[in-house]
Amino acid sequence: MTRTTPDDVAAEGIPSLADTSVLRDLPSTARGARTRAALVAAARTVFERDGYLEARLSDIAAEAKCSTGSFYTYFAGKEEILQAVLDLAQDEMLHPGLPRLEPDEASPAAVIEASNRAYFETYKRNAKLMAILDQVAAIDPKFRAARRRRSRAFWERNARSIAQLQERGLADPELDPHQAARALSGMVGRMAYYAFVLGEEASIDELVRTATRLWVNAARIEAAVG
């Protein structure tokens, strides 16, 4: 698992979590950009508080301190603004940032541990939104496709990391990196879902320790976590 920056995401061709084909062009004025940003932030607040199905556009506009008419200047409706909220969430989820590791600390296992910690911490901050994505994915094909894009982005990036470790002789050469990445990424994702969406008791330290050891053991990475 390696750190990914916004430029890396673009270079790797990772698709947006949102279906950007339904999003309008960004406002051309600073005032318009501020109003749109306020609406997106307000929508996230209302969605996380009320749920997607119960959220009302009038409540989003009120939270953003603007009129409902202003809302329609920037978004066609609730589906479109949820897409915008998801697009911002993807930015944080795909490259949450990792602590700087000194060269003598940057073993493959240490990088995996730091990556897992960043993922769990970021997932926890976005847990309500992830629950909403699951809710709407069950009833809307567009959001179901968005959920698939999100999952694919994670495991494809991890597959590249596993392949790089194999090339360096640091991981099991017999593993199919794509299938291993699907399995390990799915494991970490479900651990986060059970802990932060379903509310099963587990500290981030416990999650990181378990997920990292399973990663290291499954890929037969030599430098195990202490």
Protein backbone atom coordinates (compact mmCIF):
# COMPACT_ATOMS: atom_id res chain seq x y z
CA MET A 1 0.00 0.00 0.00
CA THR A 2 1.53 3.30 -1.05
CA ARG A 3 0.70 6.93 -0.64
CA THR A 4 -1.30 8.44 -3.49
CA THR A 5 -1.45 12.15 -4.27
CA PRO A 6 -4.12 13.97 -6.34
CA ASP A 7 -1.72 14.03 -9.30
CA ASP A 8 -1.18 10.29 -8.93
CA VAL A 9 -4.93 9.71 -9.04
CA ALA A 10 -5.20 11.60 -12.30
CA ALA A 11 -2.15 9.91 -13.79
CA GLU A 12 -3.37 6.46 -12.82
CA GLY A 13 -6.73 7.07 -14.47
CA ILE A 14 -8.66 6.38 -11.29
CA PRO A 15 -12.27 7.35 -12.06
CA SER A 16 -14.18 9.79 -9.93
CA LEU A 17 -16.33 8.25 -7.24
CA ALA A 18 -19.13 10.47 -8.49
CA ASP A 19 -20.73 10.24 -11.89
CA THR A 20 -19.30 13.55 -13.05
CA SER A 21 -21.31 13.42 -16.26
CA VAL A 22 -24.29 14.70 -14.28
CA LEU A 23 -22.37 17.57 -12.64
CA ARG A 24 -22.49 21.06 -14.06
CA ASP A 25 -19.41 23.12 -14.83
CA LEU A 26 -17.93 24.85 -11.81
CA PRO A 27 -18.91 28.50 -11.29
CA SER A 28 -16.70 31.05 -13.04
CA THR A 29 -16.82 33.66 -10.24
CA ALA A 30 -15.36 33.54 -6.74
CA ARG A 31 -18.77 34.29 -5.25
CA GLY A 32 -20.36 31.47 -7.20
CA ALA A 33 -17.63 29.07 -6.11
CA ARG A 34 -18.20 30.03 -2.46
CA THR A 35 -21.95 29.52 -2.75
CA ARG A 36 -21.54 26.14 -4.43
CA ALA A 37 -19.02 25.03 -1.80
CA ALA A 38 -21.39 26.14 0.96
CA LEU A 39 -24.21 24.12 -0.61
CA VAL A 40 -22.04 20.99 -0.88
CA ALA A 41 -20.92 21.32 2.76
CA ALA A 42 -24.51 21.91 3.84
CA ALA A 43 -25.72 18.91 1.85
CA ARG A 44 -23.24 16.67 3.58
CA THR A 45 -24.42 17.93 6.98
CA VAL A 46 -28.07 17.34 6.11
CA PHE A 47 -27.47 13.94 4.47
CA GLU A 48 -25.48 12.71 7.46
CA ARG A 49 -28.10 14.05 9.90
CA ASP A 50 -31.30 13.01 8.13
CA GLY A 51 -30.24 10.33 5.65
CA TYR A 52 -30.46 10.67 1.88
CA LEU A 53 -34.10 9.68 1.50
CA GLU A 54 -35.37 12.05 4.19
CA ALA A 55 -33.15 15.00 3.29
CA ARG A 56 -34.95 17.98 1.77
CA LEU A 57 -33.52 20.55 -0.60
CA SER A 58 -35.05 23.34 1.47
CA ASP A 59 -33.10 22.10 4.49
CA ILE A 60 -29.88 22.05 2.47
CA ALA A 61 -30.47 25.59 1.25
CA ALA A 62 -31.27 26.77 4.79
CA GLU A 63 -28.12 25.11 6.15
CA ALA A 64 -26.10 26.91 3.46
CA LYS A 65 -27.89 30.18 4.28
CA CYS A 66 -29.15 30.66 0.75
CA SER A 67 -32.48 30.41 -1.05
CA THR A 68 -33.87 27.31 -2.68
CA GLY A 69 -33.77 29.25 -5.95
CA SER A 70 -30.01 29.70 -5.52
CA PHE A 71 -29.68 25.95 -5.04
CA TYR A 72 -31.04 25.33 -8.54
CA THR A 73 -28.46 27.68 -10.01
CA TYR A 74 -25.80 25.10 -9.12
CA PHE A 75 -27.55 21.73 -8.89
CA ALA A 76 -30.50 20.09 -10.61
CA GLY A 77 -31.62 18.22 -7.50
CA LYS A 78 -30.72 15.97 -4.62
CA GLU A 79 -29.02 13.28 -6.71
CA GLU A 80 -26.68 15.77 -8.33
CA ILE A 81 -25.57 17.40 -5.10
CA LEU A 82 -24.98 13.99 -3.51
CA GLN A 83 -22.70 13.23 -6.46
CA ALA A 84 -20.76 16.41 -5.63
CA VAL A 85 -20.51 15.44 -1.97
CA LEU A 86 -19.20 12.00 -2.94
CA ASP A 87 -16.63 13.50 -5.27
CA LEU A 88 -15.13 15.48 -2.39
CA ALA A 89 -15.19 12.43 -0.13
CA GLN A 90 -13.28 10.43 -2.72
CA ASP A 91 -10.47 12.97 -2.62
CA GLU A 92 -9.92 12.33 1.07
CA MET A 93 -10.53 8.59 0.94
CA LEU A 94 -8.09 7.91 -1.90
CA HIS A 95 -5.21 10.01 -0.60
CA PRO A 96 -5.66 10.67 3.13
CA GLY A 97 -1.96 11.38 3.63
CA LEU A 98 0.55 9.30 5.52
CA PRO A 99 3.01 10.22 8.25
CA ARG A 100 6.53 10.70 6.94
CA LEU A 101 8.55 7.57 7.57
CA GLU A 102 12.33 7.80 7.92
CA PRO A 103 14.28 5.51 5.57
CA ASP A 104 15.15 3.12 8.39
CA GLU A 105 11.47 2.93 9.34
CA ALA A 106 10.00 2.52 5.87
CA SER A 107 9.91 -1.27 5.66
CA PRO A 108 7.05 -2.73 3.59
CA ALA A 109 5.25 -3.73 6.80
CA ALA A 110 5.64 -0.24 8.28
CA VAL A 111 4.21 1.33 5.11
CA ILE A 112 1.27 -1.09 5.18
CA GLU A 113 0.67 -0.26 8.83
CA ALA A 114 0.74 3.49 8.18
CA SER A 115 -1.55 3.08 5.16
CA ASN A 116 -4.04 1.01 7.15
CA ARG A 117 -4.08 3.58 9.95
CA ALA A 118 -4.69 6.43 7.50
CA TYR A 119 -7.49 4.43 5.86
CA PHE A 120 -9.28 3.58 9.11
CA GLU A 121 -9.00 7.13 10.43
CA THR A 122 -10.34 8.55 7.18
CA TYR A 123 -13.13 5.98 6.96
CA LYS A 124 -14.19 6.85 10.50
CA ARG A 125 -14.49 10.52 9.54
CA ASN A 126 -16.57 9.56 6.49
CA ALA A 127 -18.54 6.66 7.98
CA LYS A 128 -21.95 8.31 7.79
CA LEU A 129 -21.39 9.18 4.16
CA MET A 130 -20.24 5.63 3.39
CA ALA A 131 -23.47 4.36 4.97
CA ILE A 132 -25.45 6.72 2.75
CA LEU A 133 -23.60 5.49 -0.33
CA ASP A 134 -24.58 1.92 0.59
CA GLN A 135 -28.17 3.05 1.14
CA VAL A 136 -28.57 4.71 -2.25
CA ALA A 137 -26.50 2.07 -4.08
CA ALA A 138 -29.16 -0.47 -3.14
CA ILE A 139 -31.83 1.47 -5.03
CA ASP A 140 -30.02 3.51 -7.70
CA PRO A 141 -27.85 1.95 -10.45
CA LYS A 142 -25.77 5.13 -10.82
CA PHE A 143 -24.72 5.05 -7.20
CA ARG A 144 -24.20 1.30 -7.37
CA ALA A 145 -21.73 1.97 -10.19
CA ALA A 146 -20.08 4.66 -8.06
CA ARG A 147 -19.62 2.15 -5.27
CA ARG A 148 -17.97 -0.28 -7.69
CA ARG A 149 -15.66 2.48 -8.94
CA ARG A 150 -14.62 3.25 -5.37
CA SER A 151 -13.84 -0.39 -4.59
CA ARG A 152 -11.95 -0.85 -7.85
CA ALA A 153 -9.83 2.25 -7.27
CA PHE A 154 -8.65 0.87 -3.93
CA TRP A 155 -7.84 -2.65 -5.00
CA GLU A 156 -6.16 -1.64 -8.25
CA ARG A 157 -3.82 0.69 -6.37
CA ASN A 158 -3.06 -2.05 -3.85
CA ALA A 159 -2.47 -4.54 -6.67
CA ARG A 160 0.25 -2.27 -8.03
CA SER A 161 1.86 -2.12 -4.59
CA ILE A 162 1.83 -5.92 -4.23
CA ALA A 163 3.32 -6.32 -7.70
CA GLN A 164 6.10 -3.87 -6.83
CA LEU A 165 6.91 -5.82 -3.66
CA GLN A 166 7.02 -9.04 -5.69
CA GLU A 167 9.44 -7.45 -8.14
CA ARG A 168 11.69 -6.54 -5.19
CA GLY A 169 11.52 -10.07 -3.82
CA LEU A 170 9.65 -8.90 -0.70
CA ALA A 171 6.28 -10.62 -1.19
CA ASP A 172 5.00 -14.07 -2.16
CA PRO A 173 5.79 -14.41 -5.88
CA GLU A 174 3.04 -16.99 -6.35
CA LEU A 175 0.26 -14.55 -5.47
CA ASP A 176 -1.87 -13.07 -8.21
CA PRO A 177 -1.53 -9.38 -7.19
CA HIS A 178 -5.00 -8.48 -8.48
CA GLN A 179 -6.85 -11.26 -6.70
CA ALA A 180 -4.79 -10.75 -3.54
CA ALA A 181 -5.53 -7.02 -3.61
CA ARG A 182 -9.27 -7.66 -4.07
CA ALA A 183 -9.29 -9.98 -1.07
CA LEU A 184 -7.15 -7.87 1.23
CA SER A 185 -8.78 -4.56 0.29
CA GLY A 186 -12.20 -6.11 0.80
CA MET A 187 -11.14 -7.40 4.20
CA VAL A 188 -9.95 -3.98 5.36
CA GLY A 189 -13.05 -2.29 3.96
CA ARG A 190 -15.41 -4.65 5.77
CA MET A 191 -13.47 -4.24 9.01
CA ALA A 192 -13.99 -0.48 8.70
CA TYR A 193 -17.67 -0.91 7.82
CA TYR A 194 -18.42 -3.13 10.81
CA ALA A 195 -16.55 -0.84 13.19
CA PHE A 196 -17.67 2.58 12.02
CA VAL A 197 -20.99 2.07 10.24
CA LEU A 198 -22.48 -0.83 12.20
CA GLY A 199 -20.86 0.33 15.44
CA GLU A 200 -19.12 -2.84 16.54
CA GLU A 201 -16.63 -2.00 19.27
CA ALA A 202 -13.04 -1.88 18.05
CA SER A 203 -10.36 0.73 18.49
CA ILE A 204 -8.39 2.00 15.53
CA ASP A 205 -5.25 0.56 17.11
CA GLU A 206 -6.87 -2.89 17.23
CA LEU A 207 -8.05 -2.61 13.63
CA VAL A 208 -4.66 -1.46 12.40
CA ARG A 209 -2.79 -4.18 14.28
CA THR A 210 -5.05 -6.97 12.99
CA ALA A 211 -5.36 -5.75 9.41
CA THR A 212 -1.63 -5.17 9.09
CA ARG A 213 -0.67 -8.58 10.42
CA LEU A 214 -3.14 -10.24 8.08
CA TRP A 215 -1.74 -8.24 5.14
CA VAL A 216 1.83 -9.14 6.05
CA ASN A 217 1.08 -12.81 6.64
CA ALA A 218 -1.11 -13.24 3.56
CA ALA A 219 1.49 -11.73 1.24
CA ARG A 220 4.39 -13.41 3.11
CA ILE A 221 6.14 -10.10 3.60
CA GLU A 222 9.38 -10.69 5.45
CA ALA A 223 9.54 -7.62 7.72
CA ALA A 224 6.66 -8.40 10.07
CA VAL A 225 5.06 -5.85 12.36
CA GLY A 226 6.15 -5.98 16.01
